[in-house]
Amino acid sequence: MDFTKILTTALPWIGAAATGNVPALIAMAAKEVGQALGVTVGATPEAIGNAVANATPEQLLALKEADQNFELQMKALGFANIKDLEAIAAADRDSARKLQMANPSIVPAALSIIVTVGFLGVLICMMKGWLTTDSSDALLLMLGSLGTAWTSVMAFWFGTTRQSENKTTMLAAAPSVK
């Protein structure tokens, strides 16, 4: 399931915060979604997306209202639009890349390899049937965390995808909804 698409389509402000790789904004988005649904939601894009995907129609209305309230909070913090939230994550990745170019280190590459091997290893073990999720919520949590980390690794080394650039262009051209 594509949590990013669910979040950014259904709840643009919460989605932009939740998928931006900025822990404080992800936590704020999780809190808003949790309050709207009356549950505790984990501070990961997957947990937030899963909560939104499983919401009832009444909860979706509460989430829409939460997104509007979140927009007001973000504007009070100085974010004029969704692109400002997305720019934080992009600037963070860019500064990390510049640091790596200025002070080359083997650590980012080594960590990237470890995360990739771990993520793909768990997936392969699950596909082979060596690991099952029947009674292991911890395994699912680990897989979700590794998937999020792997996405961050790919974003660090390869930048944003063409699809993300297209989304940003479409958002910039779209009329604002109030």
N, C-alpha and C. Protein backbone atom coordinates (compact mmCIF):
# COMPACT_ATOMS: atom_id res chain seq x y z
N MET A 1 0.85 -1.17 0.00
CA MET A 1 0.00 0.00 0.00
C MET A 1 0.90 1.24 0.00
N ASP A 2 0.56 2.21 -0.81
CA ASP A 2 1.36 3.43 -0.91
C ASP A 2 0.84 4.46 0.09
N PHE A 3 1.47 4.48 1.28
CA PHE A 3 1.04 5.37 2.35
C PHE A 3 1.22 6.83 1.96
N THR A 4 2.27 7.12 1.23
CA THR A 4 2.54 8.50 0.82
C THR A 4 1.40 9.04 -0.02
N LYS A 5 0.94 8.25 -0.96
CA LYS A 5 -0.15 8.70 -1.84
C LYS A 5 -1.45 8.90 -1.05
N ILE A 6 -1.73 7.98 -0.14
CA ILE A 6 -2.93 8.11 0.69
C ILE A 6 -2.88 9.40 1.49
N LEU A 7 -1.77 9.62 2.16
CA LEU A 7 -1.65 10.79 3.02
C LEU A 7 -1.70 12.09 2.24
N THR A 8 -0.90 12.20 1.19
CA THR A 8 -0.83 13.47 0.47
C THR A 8 -2.09 13.77 -0.31
N THR A 9 -2.85 12.74 -0.65
CA THR A 9 -4.11 12.96 -1.38
C THR A 9 -5.23 13.32 -0.42
N ALA A 10 -5.37 12.52 0.64
CA ALA A 10 -6.49 12.71 1.57
C ALA A 10 -6.28 13.89 2.51
N LEU A 11 -5.05 14.05 2.98
CA LEU A 11 -4.75 15.08 3.98
C LEU A 11 -3.46 15.79 3.57
N PRO A 12 -3.55 16.78 2.70
CA PRO A 12 -2.33 17.36 2.13
C PRO A 12 -1.34 17.92 3.15
N TRP A 13 -1.80 18.63 4.17
CA TRP A 13 -0.89 19.23 5.14
C TRP A 13 -0.30 18.18 6.06
N ILE A 14 -1.14 17.32 6.59
CA ILE A 14 -0.65 16.24 7.45
C ILE A 14 0.24 15.31 6.64
N GLY A 15 -0.15 15.03 5.41
CA GLY A 15 0.65 14.16 4.54
C GLY A 15 2.02 14.73 4.25
N ALA A 16 2.09 16.03 3.99
CA ALA A 16 3.39 16.67 3.71
C ALA A 16 4.29 16.60 4.94
N ALA A 17 3.72 16.80 6.11
CA ALA A 17 4.51 16.73 7.35
C ALA A 17 4.94 15.29 7.64
N ALA A 18 4.02 14.36 7.44
CA ALA A 18 4.29 12.96 7.79
C ALA A 18 5.31 12.31 6.86
N THR A 19 5.40 12.74 5.65
CA THR A 19 6.28 12.09 4.68
C THR A 19 7.56 12.87 4.43
N GLY A 20 7.82 13.88 5.22
CA GLY A 20 8.96 14.74 4.96
C GLY A 20 10.26 14.39 5.66
N ASN A 21 10.31 13.28 6.39
CA ASN A 21 11.54 12.86 7.08
C ASN A 21 12.04 13.86 8.11
N VAL A 22 11.14 14.64 8.69
CA VAL A 22 11.50 15.55 9.78
C VAL A 22 10.76 15.02 11.01
N PRO A 23 11.49 14.39 11.94
CA PRO A 23 10.82 13.71 13.06
C PRO A 23 9.82 14.57 13.83
N ALA A 24 10.13 15.82 14.07
CA ALA A 24 9.21 16.67 14.84
C ALA A 24 7.89 16.87 14.09
N LEU A 25 7.97 17.07 12.78
CA LEU A 25 6.75 17.25 11.98
C LEU A 25 5.97 15.95 11.86
N ILE A 26 6.68 14.82 11.74
CA ILE A 26 6.01 13.52 11.69
C ILE A 26 5.26 13.28 13.00
N ALA A 27 5.89 13.59 14.11
CA ALA A 27 5.23 13.42 15.41
C ALA A 27 4.01 14.31 15.54
N MET A 28 4.10 15.55 15.05
CA MET A 28 2.94 16.46 15.09
C MET A 28 1.81 15.90 14.24
N ALA A 29 2.15 15.38 13.06
CA ALA A 29 1.13 14.81 12.18
C ALA A 29 0.48 13.59 12.83
N ALA A 30 1.29 12.73 13.45
CA ALA A 30 0.76 11.54 14.13
C ALA A 30 -0.18 11.94 15.26
N LYS A 31 0.18 12.98 16.00
CA LYS A 31 -0.66 13.45 17.10
C LYS A 31 -2.00 13.94 16.57
N GLU A 32 -1.99 14.71 15.47
CA GLU A 32 -3.24 15.21 14.88
C GLU A 32 -4.14 14.06 14.43
N VAL A 33 -3.55 13.09 13.75
CA VAL A 33 -4.33 11.94 13.26
C VAL A 33 -4.87 11.16 14.45
N GLY A 34 -4.03 10.93 15.45
CA GLY A 34 -4.46 10.20 16.63
C GLY A 34 -5.61 10.88 17.36
N GLN A 35 -5.51 12.21 17.51
CA GLN A 35 -6.58 12.95 18.18
C GLN A 35 -7.88 12.88 17.38
N ALA A 36 -7.77 12.97 16.06
CA ALA A 36 -8.98 12.92 15.23
C ALA A 36 -9.65 11.55 15.30
N LEU A 37 -8.83 10.50 15.42
CA LEU A 37 -9.37 9.14 15.43
C LEU A 37 -9.64 8.63 16.84
N GLY A 38 -9.12 9.36 17.85
CA GLY A 38 -9.30 8.92 19.22
C GLY A 38 -8.42 7.73 19.60
N VAL A 39 -7.28 7.60 18.93
CA VAL A 39 -6.34 6.51 19.21
C VAL A 39 -4.92 7.06 19.22
N THR A 40 -4.00 6.23 19.67
CA THR A 40 -2.59 6.59 19.59
C THR A 40 -2.05 6.08 18.27
N VAL A 41 -1.39 6.95 17.53
CA VAL A 41 -0.84 6.58 16.22
C VAL A 41 0.68 6.72 16.29
N GLY A 42 1.38 5.70 15.82
CA GLY A 42 2.83 5.74 15.80
C GLY A 42 3.35 6.84 14.90
N ALA A 43 4.51 7.38 15.24
CA ALA A 43 5.09 8.51 14.50
C ALA A 43 5.94 8.04 13.33
N THR A 44 5.31 7.27 12.44
CA THR A 44 5.94 6.88 11.18
C THR A 44 4.94 7.13 10.07
N PRO A 45 5.42 7.41 8.85
CA PRO A 45 4.48 7.60 7.75
C PRO A 45 3.57 6.38 7.54
N GLU A 46 4.12 5.18 7.75
CA GLU A 46 3.33 3.97 7.56
C GLU A 46 2.20 3.88 8.58
N ALA A 47 2.51 4.16 9.84
CA ALA A 47 1.49 4.10 10.90
C ALA A 47 0.40 5.13 10.65
N ILE A 48 0.80 6.33 10.26
CA ILE A 48 -0.17 7.39 9.99
C ILE A 48 -1.02 7.02 8.77
N GLY A 49 -0.35 6.56 7.70
CA GLY A 49 -1.06 6.16 6.49
C GLY A 49 -2.01 5.02 6.73
N ASN A 50 -1.60 4.05 7.55
CA ASN A 50 -2.45 2.91 7.87
C ASN A 50 -3.68 3.35 8.65
N ALA A 51 -3.49 4.26 9.59
CA ALA A 51 -4.62 4.77 10.37
C ALA A 51 -5.63 5.48 9.46
N VAL A 52 -5.11 6.28 8.52
CA VAL A 52 -5.99 7.00 7.59
C VAL A 52 -6.69 6.02 6.66
N ALA A 53 -5.95 5.03 6.15
CA ALA A 53 -6.53 4.06 5.22
C ALA A 53 -7.65 3.25 5.84
N ASN A 54 -7.58 3.02 7.16
CA ASN A 54 -8.59 2.20 7.84
C ASN A 54 -9.67 3.03 8.54
N ALA A 55 -9.72 4.31 8.27
CA ALA A 55 -10.68 5.19 8.93
C ALA A 55 -12.09 4.98 8.35
N THR A 56 -13.09 5.16 9.22
CA THR A 56 -14.49 5.10 8.80
C THR A 56 -14.84 6.43 8.13
N PRO A 57 -15.98 6.52 7.43
CA PRO A 57 -16.36 7.80 6.84
C PRO A 57 -16.46 8.94 7.85
N GLU A 58 -16.97 8.64 9.06
CA GLU A 58 -17.05 9.67 10.09
C GLU A 58 -15.65 10.12 10.52
N GLN A 59 -14.76 9.16 10.63
CA GLN A 59 -13.39 9.48 11.02
C GLN A 59 -12.68 10.27 9.92
N LEU A 60 -13.01 9.97 8.66
CA LEU A 60 -12.41 10.73 7.56
C LEU A 60 -12.81 12.20 7.63
N LEU A 61 -14.06 12.47 8.02
CA LEU A 61 -14.49 13.86 8.20
C LEU A 61 -13.70 14.52 9.33
N ALA A 62 -13.50 13.79 10.42
CA ALA A 62 -12.71 14.32 11.53
C ALA A 62 -11.25 14.55 11.10
N LEU A 63 -10.74 13.66 10.27
CA LEU A 63 -9.37 13.82 9.77
C LEU A 63 -9.25 15.03 8.85
N LYS A 64 -10.26 15.27 8.03
CA LYS A 64 -10.25 16.45 7.15
C LYS A 64 -10.21 17.72 7.99
N GLU A 65 -11.00 17.74 9.06
CA GLU A 65 -10.99 18.89 9.96
C GLU A 65 -9.63 19.02 10.66
N ALA A 66 -9.06 17.89 11.03
CA ALA A 66 -7.73 17.90 11.66
C ALA A 66 -6.69 18.44 10.69
N ASP A 67 -6.81 18.11 9.42
CA ASP A 67 -5.87 18.62 8.42
C ASP A 67 -5.99 20.14 8.29
N GLN A 68 -7.22 20.64 8.34
CA GLN A 68 -7.43 22.09 8.27
C GLN A 68 -6.85 22.78 9.52
N ASN A 69 -7.03 22.17 10.68
CA ASN A 69 -6.44 22.72 11.91
C ASN A 69 -4.92 22.67 11.85
N PHE A 70 -4.39 21.57 11.30
CA PHE A 70 -2.95 21.42 11.17
C PHE A 70 -2.39 22.48 10.22
N GLU A 71 -3.14 22.78 9.17
CA GLU A 71 -2.73 23.84 8.24
C GLU A 71 -2.59 25.17 8.99
N LEU A 72 -3.55 25.47 9.84
CA LEU A 72 -3.49 26.72 10.62
C LEU A 72 -2.27 26.72 11.56
N GLN A 73 -2.00 25.57 12.19
CA GLN A 73 -0.82 25.46 13.06
C GLN A 73 0.47 25.70 12.27
N MET A 74 0.55 25.08 11.10
CA MET A 74 1.76 25.20 10.29
C MET A 74 1.94 26.63 9.79
N LYS A 75 0.84 27.28 9.42
CA LYS A 75 0.93 28.67 8.97
C LYS A 75 1.34 29.58 10.13
N ALA A 76 0.87 29.27 11.34
CA ALA A 76 1.28 30.05 12.52
C ALA A 76 2.77 29.86 12.80
N LEU A 77 3.32 28.71 12.41
CA LEU A 77 4.74 28.45 12.59
C LEU A 77 5.59 29.02 11.45
N GLY A 78 4.92 29.61 10.45
CA GLY A 78 5.65 30.27 9.37
C GLY A 78 5.72 29.50 8.06
N PHE A 79 5.00 28.41 7.94
CA PHE A 79 4.96 27.66 6.69
C PHE A 79 3.79 28.17 5.85
N ALA A 80 4.09 28.89 4.78
CA ALA A 80 3.04 29.51 3.97
C ALA A 80 2.24 28.49 3.17
N ASN A 81 2.91 27.41 2.75
CA ASN A 81 2.22 26.40 1.96
C ASN A 81 2.89 25.05 2.12
N ILE A 82 2.33 24.04 1.50
CA ILE A 82 2.83 22.67 1.61
C ILE A 82 4.25 22.57 1.08
N LYS A 83 4.56 23.33 0.07
CA LYS A 83 5.92 23.28 -0.51
C LYS A 83 6.97 23.66 0.54
N ASP A 84 6.62 24.53 1.47
CA ASP A 84 7.56 24.90 2.53
C ASP A 84 7.91 23.70 3.40
N LEU A 85 6.91 22.85 3.69
CA LEU A 85 7.18 21.64 4.48
C LEU A 85 8.07 20.68 3.71
N GLU A 86 7.77 20.53 2.42
CA GLU A 86 8.57 19.63 1.59
C GLU A 86 9.99 20.15 1.42
N ALA A 87 10.15 21.46 1.42
CA ALA A 87 11.48 22.06 1.24
C ALA A 87 12.39 21.75 2.43
N ILE A 88 11.82 21.58 3.62
CA ILE A 88 12.64 21.27 4.80
C ILE A 88 13.35 19.93 4.61
N ALA A 89 12.59 18.92 4.19
CA ALA A 89 13.19 17.60 3.99
C ALA A 89 14.20 17.64 2.85
N ALA A 90 13.88 18.36 1.78
CA ALA A 90 14.81 18.45 0.65
C ALA A 90 16.10 19.15 1.07
N ALA A 91 15.98 20.22 1.84
CA ALA A 91 17.17 20.95 2.30
C ALA A 91 18.00 20.08 3.24
N ASP A 92 17.33 19.28 4.06
CA ASP A 92 18.05 18.40 4.97
C ASP A 92 18.88 17.38 4.19
N ARG A 93 18.27 16.76 3.19
CA ARG A 93 19.00 15.79 2.36
C ARG A 93 20.13 16.48 1.62
N ASP A 94 19.87 17.69 1.10
CA ASP A 94 20.88 18.41 0.35
C ASP A 94 22.08 18.76 1.23
N SER A 95 21.81 19.19 2.46
CA SER A 95 22.93 19.54 3.35
C SER A 95 23.73 18.29 3.72
N ALA A 96 23.04 17.14 3.86
CA ALA A 96 23.76 15.90 4.15
C ALA A 96 24.64 15.50 2.98
N ARG A 97 24.13 15.67 1.76
CA ARG A 97 24.94 15.36 0.57
C ARG A 97 26.15 16.29 0.48
N LYS A 98 25.93 17.57 0.76
CA LYS A 98 27.04 18.54 0.70
C LYS A 98 28.10 18.23 1.76
N LEU A 99 27.67 17.84 2.94
CA LEU A 99 28.60 17.46 3.99
C LEU A 99 29.43 16.26 3.54
N GLN A 100 28.77 15.29 2.93
CA GLN A 100 29.47 14.09 2.45
C GLN A 100 30.48 14.46 1.37
N MET A 101 30.15 15.41 0.51
CA MET A 101 31.09 15.83 -0.54
C MET A 101 32.26 16.60 0.06
N ALA A 102 32.01 17.43 1.06
CA ALA A 102 33.06 18.24 1.65
C ALA A 102 33.97 17.42 2.57
N ASN A 103 33.38 16.49 3.29
CA ASN A 103 34.13 15.64 4.23
C ASN A 103 33.78 14.18 3.96
N PRO A 104 34.37 13.60 2.94
CA PRO A 104 34.01 12.21 2.60
C PRO A 104 34.21 11.26 3.78
N SER A 105 33.22 10.41 3.98
CA SER A 105 33.25 9.45 5.07
C SER A 105 32.66 8.14 4.57
N ILE A 106 33.16 7.05 5.07
CA ILE A 106 32.64 5.74 4.70
C ILE A 106 31.36 5.40 5.48
N VAL A 107 31.10 6.13 6.56
CA VAL A 107 29.98 5.81 7.44
C VAL A 107 28.62 5.86 6.72
N PRO A 108 28.27 6.94 5.97
CA PRO A 108 26.97 6.92 5.30
C PRO A 108 26.81 5.74 4.32
N ALA A 109 27.87 5.44 3.58
CA ALA A 109 27.79 4.31 2.65
C ALA A 109 27.63 3.00 3.41
N ALA A 110 28.39 2.82 4.49
CA ALA A 110 28.30 1.59 5.28
C ALA A 110 26.91 1.44 5.89
N LEU A 111 26.37 2.52 6.45
CA LEU A 111 25.02 2.45 7.02
C LEU A 111 23.97 2.18 5.94
N SER A 112 24.16 2.77 4.78
CA SER A 112 23.24 2.52 3.66
C SER A 112 23.25 1.06 3.26
N ILE A 113 24.43 0.46 3.22
CA ILE A 113 24.53 -0.96 2.87
C ILE A 113 23.90 -1.82 3.94
N ILE A 114 24.14 -1.51 5.20
CA ILE A 114 23.55 -2.28 6.30
C ILE A 114 22.02 -2.21 6.26
N VAL A 115 21.47 -1.02 6.06
CA VAL A 115 20.00 -0.87 6.00
C VAL A 115 19.44 -1.63 4.80
N THR A 116 20.10 -1.52 3.65
CA THR A 116 19.62 -2.21 2.44
C THR A 116 19.67 -3.72 2.62
N VAL A 117 20.79 -4.23 3.13
CA VAL A 117 20.91 -5.68 3.35
C VAL A 117 19.89 -6.15 4.37
N GLY A 118 19.71 -5.38 5.45
CA GLY A 118 18.73 -5.75 6.47
C GLY A 118 17.32 -5.78 5.91
N PHE A 119 16.94 -4.73 5.18
CA PHE A 119 15.59 -4.65 4.62
C PHE A 119 15.34 -5.78 3.62
N LEU A 120 16.26 -5.94 2.67
CA LEU A 120 16.08 -6.99 1.67
C LEU A 120 16.18 -8.38 2.29
N GLY A 121 17.04 -8.52 3.32
CA GLY A 121 17.17 -9.81 4.00
C GLY A 121 15.87 -10.22 4.68
N VAL A 122 15.25 -9.28 5.38
CA VAL A 122 13.98 -9.58 6.04
C VAL A 122 12.91 -9.92 5.00
N LEU A 123 12.86 -9.15 3.91
CA LEU A 123 11.88 -9.44 2.86
C LEU A 123 12.08 -10.83 2.25
N ILE A 124 13.32 -11.17 1.96
CA ILE A 124 13.61 -12.49 1.38
C ILE A 124 13.24 -13.59 2.36
N CYS A 125 13.60 -13.42 3.63
CA CYS A 125 13.25 -14.43 4.64
C CYS A 125 11.74 -14.59 4.76
N MET A 126 11.00 -13.51 4.64
CA MET A 126 9.54 -13.60 4.70
C MET A 126 8.99 -14.31 3.47
N MET A 127 9.55 -13.99 2.30
CA MET A 127 9.07 -14.64 1.07
C MET A 127 9.39 -16.13 1.06
N LYS A 128 10.52 -16.51 1.63
CA LYS A 128 10.91 -17.92 1.69
C LYS A 128 10.15 -18.68 2.79
N GLY A 129 9.48 -17.95 3.68
CA GLY A 129 8.74 -18.58 4.76
C GLY A 129 9.57 -18.83 6.00
N TRP A 130 10.80 -18.33 6.04
CA TRP A 130 11.66 -18.50 7.21
C TRP A 130 11.21 -17.60 8.35
N LEU A 131 10.60 -16.48 8.03
CA LEU A 131 10.03 -15.57 9.02
C LEU A 131 8.56 -15.40 8.70
N THR A 132 7.70 -15.49 9.71
CA THR A 132 6.27 -15.28 9.49
C THR A 132 5.79 -14.16 10.40
N THR A 133 4.76 -13.50 9.97
CA THR A 133 4.21 -12.37 10.74
C THR A 133 2.99 -12.78 11.56
N ASP A 134 2.68 -14.07 11.58
CA ASP A 134 1.48 -14.54 12.27
C ASP A 134 1.40 -14.07 13.72
N SER A 135 2.48 -14.17 14.45
CA SER A 135 2.45 -13.82 15.86
C SER A 135 3.51 -12.80 16.24
N SER A 136 4.00 -12.07 15.27
CA SER A 136 5.11 -11.18 15.57
C SER A 136 4.86 -9.75 15.10
N ASP A 137 4.26 -8.97 15.99
CA ASP A 137 4.10 -7.55 15.69
C ASP A 137 5.45 -6.86 15.64
N ALA A 138 6.39 -7.37 16.41
CA ALA A 138 7.74 -6.78 16.42
C ALA A 138 8.38 -6.91 15.05
N LEU A 139 8.16 -8.03 14.37
CA LEU A 139 8.71 -8.22 13.03
C LEU A 139 8.11 -7.22 12.05
N LEU A 140 6.82 -7.01 12.14
CA LEU A 140 6.17 -6.03 11.27
C LEU A 140 6.66 -4.62 11.56
N LEU A 141 6.85 -4.30 12.83
CA LEU A 141 7.37 -2.99 13.20
C LEU A 141 8.78 -2.81 12.65
N MET A 142 9.62 -3.85 12.79
CA MET A 142 10.98 -3.79 12.28
C MET A 142 10.98 -3.63 10.75
N LEU A 143 10.12 -4.37 10.08
CA LEU A 143 10.04 -4.27 8.62
C LEU A 143 9.61 -2.87 8.20
N GLY A 144 8.63 -2.31 8.90
CA GLY A 144 8.19 -0.95 8.59
C GLY A 144 9.30 0.07 8.82
N SER A 145 10.02 -0.09 9.92
CA SER A 145 11.13 0.82 10.21
C SER A 145 12.25 0.69 9.19
N LEU A 146 12.57 -0.55 8.83
CA LEU A 146 13.60 -0.76 7.80
C LEU A 146 13.16 -0.20 6.45
N GLY A 147 11.88 -0.35 6.13
CA GLY A 147 11.37 0.20 4.87
C GLY A 147 11.47 1.71 4.84
N THR A 148 11.15 2.35 5.96
CA THR A 148 11.26 3.81 6.06
C THR A 148 12.72 4.23 5.95
N ALA A 149 13.60 3.51 6.66
CA ALA A 149 15.03 3.83 6.60
C ALA A 149 15.57 3.64 5.19
N TRP A 150 15.15 2.58 4.53
CA TRP A 150 15.63 2.31 3.17
C TRP A 150 15.17 3.42 2.22
N THR A 151 13.94 3.90 2.39
CA THR A 151 13.45 5.02 1.58
C THR A 151 14.32 6.25 1.80
N SER A 152 14.69 6.50 3.03
CA SER A 152 15.56 7.64 3.34
C SER A 152 16.94 7.46 2.72
N VAL A 153 17.45 6.24 2.75
CA VAL A 153 18.75 5.95 2.13
C VAL A 153 18.70 6.25 0.63
N MET A 154 17.65 5.79 -0.01
CA MET A 154 17.53 6.03 -1.46
C MET A 154 17.39 7.52 -1.75
N ALA A 155 16.63 8.23 -0.91
CA ALA A 155 16.47 9.68 -1.11
C ALA A 155 17.80 10.39 -0.91
N PHE A 156 18.61 9.92 0.05
CA PHE A 156 19.92 10.55 0.29
C PHE A 156 20.83 10.38 -0.93
N TRP A 157 20.91 9.16 -1.44
CA TRP A 157 21.86 8.89 -2.52
C TRP A 157 21.35 9.31 -3.89
N PHE A 158 20.05 9.27 -4.12
CA PHE A 158 19.54 9.53 -5.46
C PHE A 158 18.65 10.76 -5.57
N GLY A 159 18.34 11.45 -4.48
CA GLY A 159 17.51 12.64 -4.53
C GLY A 159 16.04 12.30 -4.70
N THR A 160 15.27 13.31 -5.03
CA THR A 160 13.83 13.09 -5.19
C THR A 160 13.54 12.40 -6.51
N THR A 161 12.42 11.74 -6.55
CA THR A 161 12.04 11.03 -7.77
C THR A 161 11.31 11.97 -8.71
N ARG A 162 11.22 11.56 -9.94
CA ARG A 162 10.51 12.33 -10.95
C ARG A 162 9.05 12.50 -10.55
N GLN A 163 8.47 11.45 -9.95
CA GLN A 163 7.07 11.51 -9.53
C GLN A 163 6.88 12.61 -8.48
N SER A 164 7.81 12.72 -7.55
CA SER A 164 7.73 13.76 -6.52
C SER A 164 7.85 15.14 -7.14
N GLU A 165 8.74 15.29 -8.12
CA GLU A 165 8.88 16.58 -8.80
C GLU A 165 7.59 16.94 -9.54
N ASN A 166 6.97 15.94 -10.17
CA ASN A 166 5.71 16.18 -10.87
C ASN A 166 4.62 16.61 -9.89
N LYS A 167 4.57 15.96 -8.71
CA LYS A 167 3.58 16.31 -7.69
C LYS A 167 3.78 17.76 -7.24
N THR A 168 5.03 18.14 -7.02
CA THR A 168 5.32 19.50 -6.58
C THR A 168 4.88 20.51 -7.63
N THR A 169 5.13 20.22 -8.89
CA THR A 169 4.72 21.10 -9.97
C THR A 169 3.21 21.21 -10.03
N MET A 170 2.50 20.10 -9.88
CA MET A 170 1.05 20.11 -9.92
C MET A 170 0.48 20.89 -8.72
N LEU A 171 1.08 20.70 -7.53
CA LEU A 171 0.61 21.44 -6.36
C LEU A 171 0.80 22.93 -6.53
N ALA A 172 1.92 23.33 -7.11
CA ALA A 172 2.20 24.75 -7.31
C ALA A 172 1.19 25.36 -8.29
N ALA A 173 0.76 24.59 -9.28
CA ALA A 173 -0.16 25.10 -10.29
C ALA A 173 -1.62 25.05 -9.85
N ALA A 174 -1.93 24.26 -8.83
CA ALA A 174 -3.31 24.07 -8.40
C ALA A 174 -3.80 25.29 -7.61
N PRO A 175 -5.09 25.60 -7.77
CA PRO A 175 -5.64 26.70 -6.96
C PRO A 175 -5.74 26.26 -5.50
N SER A 176 -5.61 27.20 -4.59
CA SER A 176 -5.68 26.84 -3.18
C SER A 176 -7.13 26.50 -2.80
N VAL A 177 -7.27 25.54 -1.89
CA VAL A 177 -8.59 25.09 -1.43
C VAL A 177 -8.76 25.60 -0.01
N LYS A 178 -9.88 26.26 0.23
CA LYS A 178 -10.16 26.78 1.59
C LYS A 178 -11.49 26.31 2.04
